[in-house]
Amino acid sequence: MTLAKPAFPAPDHDHGRCTADALAHAEEVCEQRAQKFTPIRRQVLAALLSSHRPLGAYEVIDELAKSMPRPAPITVYRALDFLMANGLVHRIESRNAYLACAAHDHDATSAVAFLICERCGLVGEIPSASFAQDLSSAARASGFAPKLSVVEITGTCAHCQKTS
């Protein structure tokens, strides 16, 4: 299987362009769904886009506090809930953290696989539809009705492998 887009950004990628593209995509998604992309939702997403590492809610608050009055945790959690519901942010369960969505071609209920680098902390996102179908079929065969499938795989990214 060849990925159309690399799971991890190159260390020298244009992060400004990466962030601008993701924010433009979020605006488009919200417009198509008649959802409001409020300033706080934009700021929370921008904070998550500040790196390709997952951030906890309080790390998001700390990032926002650098450029605005410190928001209340409930405000950030509500923005995160909205962004997750619209497929713009994912929750990395094992890290109790959030990550801006790198793939723009799935909905909020699609199966997602995360590659989590144990060295640098970056998280890559890869398609997992066929794998998820197998899991879903096995679950249904057991009488279980699956809802959402997220797979987290830890290891070492290609960049860290090259630098060791």
N, C-alpha and C. Protein backbone atom coordinates (compact mmCIF):
# COMPACT_ATOMS: atom_id res chain seq x y z
N MET A 1 0.85 -1.18 0.00
CA MET A 1 0.00 0.00 0.00
C MET A 1 0.90 1.25 0.00
N THR A 2 0.67 2.14 -0.91
CA THR A 2 1.41 3.39 -0.99
C THR A 2 0.50 4.53 -0.56
N LEU A 3 1.01 5.35 0.34
CA LEU A 3 0.22 6.47 0.83
C LEU A 3 0.35 7.65 -0.12
N ALA A 4 -0.77 8.32 -0.40
CA ALA A 4 -0.76 9.49 -1.27
C ALA A 4 -0.04 10.65 -0.58
N LYS A 5 -0.15 10.70 0.71
CA LYS A 5 0.44 11.78 1.50
C LYS A 5 1.26 11.13 2.61
N PRO A 6 2.48 11.63 2.88
CA PRO A 6 3.27 11.00 3.95
C PRO A 6 2.56 11.14 5.30
N ALA A 7 2.73 10.13 6.15
CA ALA A 7 2.10 10.15 7.47
C ALA A 7 2.69 11.23 8.36
N PHE A 8 4.00 11.47 8.22
CA PHE A 8 4.69 12.48 9.02
C PHE A 8 5.20 13.58 8.10
N PRO A 9 5.11 14.83 8.52
CA PRO A 9 5.65 15.91 7.69
C PRO A 9 7.18 15.85 7.69
N ALA A 10 7.77 16.27 6.60
CA ALA A 10 9.23 16.35 6.55
C ALA A 10 9.68 17.39 7.56
N PRO A 11 10.82 17.19 8.20
CA PRO A 11 11.28 18.16 9.20
C PRO A 11 11.38 19.60 8.66
N ASP A 12 11.63 19.74 7.37
CA ASP A 12 11.79 21.08 6.79
C ASP A 12 10.56 21.54 6.00
N HIS A 13 9.39 20.92 6.26
CA HIS A 13 8.19 21.30 5.50
C HIS A 13 7.78 22.74 5.84
N ASP A 14 6.98 23.32 4.97
CA ASP A 14 6.50 24.69 5.15
C ASP A 14 5.34 24.64 6.15
N HIS A 15 5.66 24.81 7.44
CA HIS A 15 4.63 24.67 8.47
C HIS A 15 3.58 25.78 8.40
N GLY A 16 3.99 26.95 7.95
CA GLY A 16 3.02 28.05 7.79
C GLY A 16 1.97 27.69 6.77
N ARG A 17 2.38 27.10 5.64
CA ARG A 17 1.46 26.67 4.59
C ARG A 17 0.59 25.54 5.11
N CYS A 18 1.20 24.63 5.84
CA CYS A 18 0.49 23.48 6.43
C CYS A 18 -0.65 23.99 7.33
N THR A 19 -0.34 24.94 8.19
CA THR A 19 -1.33 25.51 9.11
C THR A 19 -2.41 26.27 8.35
N ALA A 20 -2.00 27.09 7.39
CA ALA A 20 -2.97 27.87 6.60
C ALA A 20 -3.93 26.96 5.85
N ASP A 21 -3.39 25.88 5.26
CA ASP A 21 -4.24 24.92 4.54
C ASP A 21 -5.25 24.26 5.47
N ALA A 22 -4.80 23.88 6.67
CA ALA A 22 -5.69 23.22 7.62
C ALA A 22 -6.79 24.17 8.11
N LEU A 23 -6.44 25.42 8.35
CA LEU A 23 -7.46 26.40 8.77
C LEU A 23 -8.45 26.68 7.65
N ALA A 24 -7.96 26.76 6.42
CA ALA A 24 -8.85 26.97 5.27
C ALA A 24 -9.79 25.77 5.11
N HIS A 25 -9.25 24.57 5.32
CA HIS A 25 -10.09 23.36 5.24
C HIS A 25 -11.17 23.40 6.32
N ALA A 26 -10.80 23.80 7.53
CA ALA A 26 -11.77 23.89 8.63
C ALA A 26 -12.88 24.89 8.30
N GLU A 27 -12.51 26.03 7.74
CA GLU A 27 -13.51 27.02 7.34
C GLU A 27 -14.48 26.43 6.32
N GLU A 28 -13.93 25.70 5.35
CA GLU A 28 -14.73 25.08 4.30
C GLU A 28 -15.69 24.04 4.88
N VAL A 29 -15.18 23.20 5.77
CA VAL A 29 -16.01 22.17 6.40
C VAL A 29 -17.16 22.82 7.17
N CYS A 30 -16.85 23.82 7.95
CA CYS A 30 -17.88 24.50 8.75
C CYS A 30 -18.91 25.17 7.86
N GLU A 31 -18.45 25.80 6.79
CA GLU A 31 -19.37 26.45 5.86
C GLU A 31 -20.30 25.43 5.21
N GLN A 32 -19.75 24.31 4.76
CA GLN A 32 -20.55 23.27 4.11
C GLN A 32 -21.59 22.69 5.06
N ARG A 33 -21.27 22.63 6.35
CA ARG A 33 -22.16 22.04 7.34
C ARG A 33 -23.00 23.08 8.07
N ALA A 34 -22.91 24.32 7.63
CA ALA A 34 -23.63 25.44 8.26
C ALA A 34 -23.31 25.51 9.75
N GLN A 35 -22.03 25.30 10.07
CA GLN A 35 -21.55 25.39 11.45
C GLN A 35 -20.76 26.68 11.61
N LYS A 36 -20.75 27.24 12.79
CA LYS A 36 -20.00 28.47 13.04
C LYS A 36 -18.56 28.13 13.44
N PHE A 37 -17.62 28.66 12.69
CA PHE A 37 -16.20 28.52 13.02
C PHE A 37 -15.82 29.78 13.79
N THR A 38 -16.19 29.78 15.07
CA THR A 38 -16.03 30.96 15.91
C THR A 38 -14.55 31.27 16.15
N PRO A 39 -14.25 32.47 16.60
CA PRO A 39 -12.85 32.81 16.88
C PRO A 39 -12.18 31.84 17.86
N ILE A 40 -12.87 31.43 18.91
CA ILE A 40 -12.23 30.53 19.88
C ILE A 40 -11.98 29.15 19.26
N ARG A 41 -12.89 28.68 18.44
CA ARG A 41 -12.69 27.39 17.76
C ARG A 41 -11.48 27.48 16.83
N ARG A 42 -11.37 28.59 16.12
CA ARG A 42 -10.23 28.82 15.23
C ARG A 42 -8.92 28.87 16.05
N GLN A 43 -8.96 29.58 17.17
CA GLN A 43 -7.76 29.72 17.99
C GLN A 43 -7.33 28.39 18.60
N VAL A 44 -8.29 27.57 19.02
CA VAL A 44 -7.96 26.25 19.56
C VAL A 44 -7.35 25.38 18.47
N LEU A 45 -7.95 25.40 17.28
CA LEU A 45 -7.39 24.62 16.18
C LEU A 45 -5.99 25.14 15.82
N ALA A 46 -5.81 26.43 15.79
CA ALA A 46 -4.49 27.00 15.48
C ALA A 46 -3.46 26.59 16.53
N ALA A 47 -3.87 26.54 17.79
CA ALA A 47 -2.95 26.09 18.85
C ALA A 47 -2.53 24.65 18.61
N LEU A 48 -3.48 23.81 18.22
CA LEU A 48 -3.15 22.41 17.93
C LEU A 48 -2.27 22.29 16.69
N LEU A 49 -2.44 23.22 15.77
CA LEU A 49 -1.64 23.20 14.54
C LEU A 49 -0.24 23.79 14.74
N SER A 50 0.03 24.31 15.94
CA SER A 50 1.33 24.93 16.18
C SER A 50 2.47 23.92 16.09
N SER A 51 2.16 22.65 16.21
CA SER A 51 3.14 21.58 16.01
C SER A 51 2.38 20.35 15.55
N HIS A 52 3.08 19.32 15.22
CA HIS A 52 2.43 18.06 14.83
C HIS A 52 2.43 17.08 16.00
N ARG A 53 2.46 17.64 17.19
CA ARG A 53 2.43 16.82 18.40
C ARG A 53 1.06 17.01 19.07
N PRO A 54 0.56 15.96 19.70
CA PRO A 54 -0.72 16.11 20.41
C PRO A 54 -0.53 16.99 21.65
N LEU A 55 -1.55 17.76 21.96
CA LEU A 55 -1.53 18.63 23.13
C LEU A 55 -2.70 18.29 24.04
N GLY A 56 -2.45 18.31 25.33
CA GLY A 56 -3.54 18.17 26.29
C GLY A 56 -4.33 19.47 26.33
N ALA A 57 -5.52 19.43 26.89
CA ALA A 57 -6.38 20.62 26.93
C ALA A 57 -5.68 21.77 27.66
N TYR A 58 -4.97 21.48 28.73
CA TYR A 58 -4.30 22.55 29.46
C TYR A 58 -3.08 23.07 28.71
N GLU A 59 -2.48 22.25 27.88
CA GLU A 59 -1.40 22.73 27.01
C GLU A 59 -1.98 23.67 25.93
N VAL A 60 -3.17 23.35 25.47
CA VAL A 60 -3.85 24.25 24.52
C VAL A 60 -4.12 25.59 25.20
N ILE A 61 -4.60 25.54 26.44
CA ILE A 61 -4.85 26.77 27.19
C ILE A 61 -3.57 27.57 27.33
N ASP A 62 -2.46 26.90 27.67
CA ASP A 62 -1.18 27.59 27.81
C ASP A 62 -0.75 28.23 26.49
N GLU A 63 -0.96 27.52 25.39
CA GLU A 63 -0.61 28.05 24.07
C GLU A 63 -1.45 29.29 23.74
N LEU A 64 -2.74 29.22 24.04
CA LEU A 64 -3.62 30.36 23.77
C LEU A 64 -3.27 31.55 24.67
N ALA A 65 -2.88 31.27 25.90
CA ALA A 65 -2.56 32.34 26.85
C ALA A 65 -1.36 33.18 26.42
N LYS A 66 -0.60 32.70 25.45
CA LYS A 66 0.54 33.47 24.94
C LYS A 66 0.09 34.68 24.13
N SER A 67 -1.13 34.60 23.58
CA SER A 67 -1.58 35.68 22.68
C SER A 67 -2.95 36.26 23.03
N MET A 68 -3.54 35.81 24.12
CA MET A 68 -4.87 36.31 24.50
C MET A 68 -5.06 36.05 25.99
N PRO A 69 -6.11 36.64 26.59
CA PRO A 69 -6.39 36.32 27.99
C PRO A 69 -6.63 34.81 28.14
N ARG A 70 -6.13 34.25 29.21
CA ARG A 70 -6.24 32.81 29.44
C ARG A 70 -7.71 32.36 29.44
N PRO A 71 -8.07 31.47 28.49
CA PRO A 71 -9.47 31.03 28.42
C PRO A 71 -9.79 30.03 29.53
N ALA A 72 -11.06 29.95 29.88
CA ALA A 72 -11.51 28.99 30.88
C ALA A 72 -11.43 27.58 30.27
N PRO A 73 -11.09 26.59 31.08
CA PRO A 73 -11.02 25.22 30.56
C PRO A 73 -12.29 24.76 29.84
N ILE A 74 -13.46 25.10 30.38
CA ILE A 74 -14.71 24.67 29.75
C ILE A 74 -14.83 25.22 28.33
N THR A 75 -14.33 26.43 28.12
CA THR A 75 -14.37 27.04 26.79
C THR A 75 -13.53 26.24 25.81
N VAL A 76 -12.35 25.83 26.25
CA VAL A 76 -11.46 25.05 25.39
C VAL A 76 -12.04 23.66 25.16
N TYR A 77 -12.57 23.03 26.20
CA TYR A 77 -13.17 21.70 26.03
C TYR A 77 -14.35 21.75 25.06
N ARG A 78 -15.16 22.78 25.14
CA ARG A 78 -16.29 22.91 24.21
C ARG A 78 -15.80 23.07 22.77
N ALA A 79 -14.76 23.88 22.59
CA ALA A 79 -14.19 24.06 21.25
C ALA A 79 -13.61 22.73 20.75
N LEU A 80 -12.92 22.00 21.61
CA LEU A 80 -12.37 20.70 21.23
C LEU A 80 -13.48 19.72 20.85
N ASP A 81 -14.56 19.71 21.62
CA ASP A 81 -15.70 18.84 21.30
C ASP A 81 -16.26 19.17 19.91
N PHE A 82 -16.42 20.46 19.63
CA PHE A 82 -16.92 20.89 18.32
C PHE A 82 -15.96 20.43 17.22
N LEU A 83 -14.68 20.68 17.40
CA LEU A 83 -13.69 20.32 16.38
C LEU A 83 -13.64 18.81 16.16
N MET A 84 -13.77 18.03 17.23
CA MET A 84 -13.80 16.57 17.08
C MET A 84 -15.06 16.13 16.35
N ALA A 85 -16.20 16.70 16.72
CA ALA A 85 -17.47 16.32 16.09
C ALA A 85 -17.47 16.60 14.59
N ASN A 86 -16.66 17.55 14.17
CA ASN A 86 -16.60 17.90 12.76
C ASN A 86 -15.39 17.30 12.05
N GLY A 87 -14.71 16.36 12.71
CA GLY A 87 -13.60 15.65 12.08
C GLY A 87 -12.36 16.49 11.86
N LEU A 88 -12.21 17.58 12.60
CA LEU A 88 -11.06 18.47 12.42
C LEU A 88 -9.96 18.21 13.44
N VAL A 89 -10.32 17.50 14.50
CA VAL A 89 -9.39 17.18 15.58
C VAL A 89 -9.66 15.75 16.03
N HIS A 90 -8.61 15.06 16.42
CA HIS A 90 -8.74 13.71 16.97
C HIS A 90 -8.24 13.71 18.41
N ARG A 91 -8.76 12.78 19.18
CA ARG A 91 -8.26 12.60 20.55
C ARG A 91 -7.35 11.39 20.54
N ILE A 92 -6.15 11.59 21.06
CA ILE A 92 -5.20 10.48 21.21
C ILE A 92 -5.42 9.95 22.62
N GLU A 93 -6.15 8.85 22.70
CA GLU A 93 -6.56 8.31 23.99
C GLU A 93 -5.38 7.99 24.90
N SER A 94 -4.36 7.35 24.36
CA SER A 94 -3.23 6.93 25.19
C SER A 94 -2.45 8.10 25.78
N ARG A 95 -2.60 9.27 25.19
CA ARG A 95 -1.88 10.46 25.66
C ARG A 95 -2.82 11.47 26.33
N ASN A 96 -4.12 11.18 26.32
CA ASN A 96 -5.13 12.11 26.82
C ASN A 96 -4.86 13.50 26.24
N ALA A 97 -4.72 13.50 24.91
CA ALA A 97 -4.36 14.72 24.21
C ALA A 97 -5.10 14.80 22.88
N TYR A 98 -4.98 15.94 22.23
CA TYR A 98 -5.70 16.21 20.99
C TYR A 98 -4.72 16.54 19.89
N LEU A 99 -5.12 16.20 18.67
CA LEU A 99 -4.27 16.41 17.51
C LEU A 99 -5.13 16.94 16.36
N ALA A 100 -4.65 18.00 15.72
CA ALA A 100 -5.35 18.48 14.53
C ALA A 100 -5.30 17.39 13.47
N CYS A 101 -6.40 17.20 12.77
CA CYS A 101 -6.50 16.15 11.77
C CYS A 101 -5.60 16.46 10.58
N ALA A 102 -4.80 15.47 10.20
CA ALA A 102 -3.88 15.64 9.07
C ALA A 102 -4.54 15.22 7.75
N ALA A 103 -5.48 14.32 7.82
CA ALA A 103 -6.15 13.84 6.61
C ALA A 103 -7.45 14.60 6.44
N HIS A 104 -7.70 15.07 5.24
CA HIS A 104 -8.91 15.86 5.01
C HIS A 104 -9.95 15.11 4.20
N ASP A 105 -9.84 13.81 4.14
CA ASP A 105 -10.76 13.06 3.29
C ASP A 105 -11.55 12.00 4.04
N HIS A 106 -11.83 12.26 5.31
CA HIS A 106 -12.67 11.33 6.06
C HIS A 106 -13.60 12.11 6.96
N ASP A 107 -14.67 11.43 7.41
CA ASP A 107 -15.60 12.11 8.30
C ASP A 107 -15.28 11.72 9.74
N ALA A 108 -16.05 12.25 10.65
CA ALA A 108 -15.78 12.06 12.08
C ALA A 108 -15.96 10.62 12.53
N THR A 109 -16.64 9.79 11.76
CA THR A 109 -16.86 8.40 12.16
C THR A 109 -15.93 7.43 11.44
N SER A 110 -15.04 7.91 10.59
CA SER A 110 -14.11 7.04 9.88
C SER A 110 -13.11 6.42 10.84
N ALA A 111 -12.61 5.26 10.45
CA ALA A 111 -11.57 4.61 11.22
C ALA A 111 -10.26 5.34 10.98
N VAL A 112 -9.50 5.52 12.04
CA VAL A 112 -8.25 6.25 11.97
C VAL A 112 -7.16 5.44 12.65
N ALA A 113 -5.96 5.45 12.07
CA ALA A 113 -4.81 4.84 12.71
C ALA A 113 -3.75 5.90 12.91
N PHE A 114 -3.25 5.98 14.14
CA PHE A 114 -2.21 6.95 14.47
C PHE A 114 -0.89 6.23 14.68
N LEU A 115 0.16 6.81 14.15
CA LEU A 115 1.51 6.32 14.35
C LEU A 115 2.16 7.32 15.31
N ILE A 116 2.51 6.88 16.50
CA ILE A 116 3.02 7.77 17.54
C ILE A 116 4.50 7.50 17.75
N CYS A 117 5.33 8.50 17.44
CA CYS A 117 6.78 8.33 17.60
C CYS A 117 7.14 8.50 19.08
N GLU A 118 7.77 7.48 19.63
CA GLU A 118 8.15 7.51 21.04
C GLU A 118 9.36 8.40 21.30
N ARG A 119 10.08 8.77 20.26
CA ARG A 119 11.27 9.62 20.45
C ARG A 119 10.92 11.10 20.37
N CYS A 120 10.33 11.53 19.26
CA CYS A 120 10.10 12.97 19.05
C CYS A 120 8.69 13.41 19.43
N GLY A 121 7.77 12.47 19.61
CA GLY A 121 6.41 12.82 20.01
C GLY A 121 5.47 13.16 18.87
N LEU A 122 5.99 13.19 17.63
CA LEU A 122 5.11 13.47 16.49
C LEU A 122 4.11 12.34 16.31
N VAL A 123 2.97 12.69 15.75
CA VAL A 123 1.93 11.70 15.48
C VAL A 123 1.57 11.80 14.01
N GLY A 124 1.62 10.66 13.33
CA GLY A 124 1.19 10.58 11.94
C GLY A 124 -0.16 9.91 11.87
N GLU A 125 -0.88 10.21 10.82
CA GLU A 125 -2.22 9.66 10.64
C GLU A 125 -2.23 8.91 9.31
N ILE A 126 -2.71 7.67 9.33
CA ILE A 126 -2.76 6.89 8.10
C ILE A 126 -4.16 6.32 7.91
N PRO A 127 -4.52 6.06 6.66
CA PRO A 127 -5.83 5.45 6.41
C PRO A 127 -5.86 4.03 6.96
N SER A 128 -7.01 3.64 7.47
CA SER A 128 -7.11 2.29 8.03
C SER A 128 -8.46 1.65 7.72
N ALA A 129 -9.07 2.06 6.62
CA ALA A 129 -10.41 1.57 6.29
C ALA A 129 -10.48 0.05 6.15
N SER A 130 -9.54 -0.54 5.42
CA SER A 130 -9.62 -2.00 5.21
C SER A 130 -9.37 -2.75 6.52
N PHE A 131 -8.40 -2.31 7.29
CA PHE A 131 -8.12 -2.91 8.58
C PHE A 131 -9.33 -2.77 9.51
N ALA A 132 -9.92 -1.60 9.52
CA ALA A 132 -11.07 -1.33 10.37
C ALA A 132 -12.27 -2.17 9.96
N GLN A 133 -12.43 -2.41 8.65
CA GLN A 133 -13.53 -3.25 8.19
C GLN A 133 -13.39 -4.66 8.75
N ASP A 134 -12.16 -5.18 8.74
CA ASP A 134 -11.91 -6.51 9.30
C ASP A 134 -12.26 -6.55 10.79
N LEU A 135 -11.82 -5.52 11.53
CA LEU A 135 -12.14 -5.46 12.95
C LEU A 135 -13.64 -5.33 13.18
N SER A 136 -14.28 -4.48 12.40
CA SER A 136 -15.71 -4.26 12.53
C SER A 136 -16.49 -5.55 12.25
N SER A 137 -16.07 -6.26 11.22
CA SER A 137 -16.74 -7.53 10.88
C SER A 137 -16.58 -8.54 12.00
N ALA A 138 -15.37 -8.62 12.56
CA ALA A 138 -15.13 -9.55 13.67
C ALA A 138 -15.97 -9.16 14.89
N ALA A 139 -16.08 -7.86 15.15
CA ALA A 139 -16.88 -7.40 16.28
C ALA A 139 -18.35 -7.74 16.07
N ARG A 140 -18.84 -7.48 14.86
CA ARG A 140 -20.25 -7.78 14.57
C ARG A 140 -20.54 -9.28 14.67
N ALA A 141 -19.58 -10.08 14.22
CA ALA A 141 -19.75 -11.54 14.30
C ALA A 141 -19.86 -12.00 15.75
N SER A 142 -19.32 -11.21 16.67
CA SER A 142 -19.40 -11.51 18.10
C SER A 142 -20.64 -10.92 18.75
N GLY A 143 -21.49 -10.28 17.93
CA GLY A 143 -22.70 -9.69 18.47
C GLY A 143 -22.48 -8.28 19.03
N PHE A 144 -21.35 -7.68 18.70
CA PHE A 144 -21.01 -6.35 19.18
C PHE A 144 -21.28 -5.34 18.07
N ALA A 145 -21.83 -4.18 18.42
CA ALA A 145 -22.11 -3.14 17.43
C ALA A 145 -21.06 -2.03 17.57
N PRO A 146 -20.00 -2.08 16.77
CA PRO A 146 -18.94 -1.07 16.91
C PRO A 146 -19.40 0.30 16.42
N LYS A 147 -18.82 1.34 17.03
CA LYS A 147 -19.19 2.70 16.71
C LYS A 147 -18.03 3.45 16.07
N LEU A 148 -16.91 3.49 16.74
CA LEU A 148 -15.76 4.25 16.26
C LEU A 148 -14.51 3.41 16.47
N SER A 149 -13.65 3.43 15.49
CA SER A 149 -12.44 2.63 15.58
C SER A 149 -11.22 3.53 15.46
N VAL A 150 -10.41 3.54 16.51
CA VAL A 150 -9.15 4.29 16.51
C VAL A 150 -8.05 3.32 16.91
N VAL A 151 -7.01 3.28 16.11
CA VAL A 151 -5.87 2.42 16.40
C VAL A 151 -4.67 3.31 16.66
N GLU A 152 -3.96 3.06 17.75
CA GLU A 152 -2.76 3.82 18.07
C GLU A 152 -1.58 2.86 18.05
N ILE A 153 -0.59 3.19 17.24
CA ILE A 153 0.60 2.34 17.08
C ILE A 153 1.81 3.17 17.50
N THR A 154 2.55 2.69 18.50
CA THR A 154 3.74 3.40 18.92
C THR A 154 4.97 2.80 18.26
N GLY A 155 5.98 3.61 18.10
CA GLY A 155 7.22 3.17 17.46
C GLY A 155 8.13 4.35 17.23
N THR A 156 8.92 4.28 16.16
CA THR A 156 9.87 5.34 15.84
C THR A 156 9.66 5.79 14.40
N CYS A 157 9.50 7.11 14.21
CA CYS A 157 9.28 7.64 12.87
C CYS A 157 10.55 7.53 12.03
N ALA A 158 10.41 7.65 10.72
CA ALA A 158 11.55 7.52 9.81
C ALA A 158 12.63 8.56 10.09
N HIS A 159 12.24 9.79 10.41
CA HIS A 159 13.22 10.83 10.69
C HIS A 159 14.07 10.47 11.91
N CYS A 160 13.44 10.01 12.99
CA CYS A 160 14.18 9.64 14.19
C CYS A 160 15.06 8.42 13.94
N GLN A 161 14.59 7.50 13.09
CA GLN A 161 15.41 6.33 12.76
C GLN A 161 16.70 6.75 12.05
N LYS A 162 16.57 7.77 11.19
CA LYS A 162 17.74 8.25 10.44
C LYS A 162 18.74 8.99 11.33
N THR A 163 18.25 9.63 12.38
CA THR A 163 19.12 10.44 13.23
C THR A 163 19.71 9.67 14.41
N SER A 164 19.40 8.38 14.50
CA SER A 164 19.95 7.64 15.65
C SER A 164 21.24 6.95 15.30
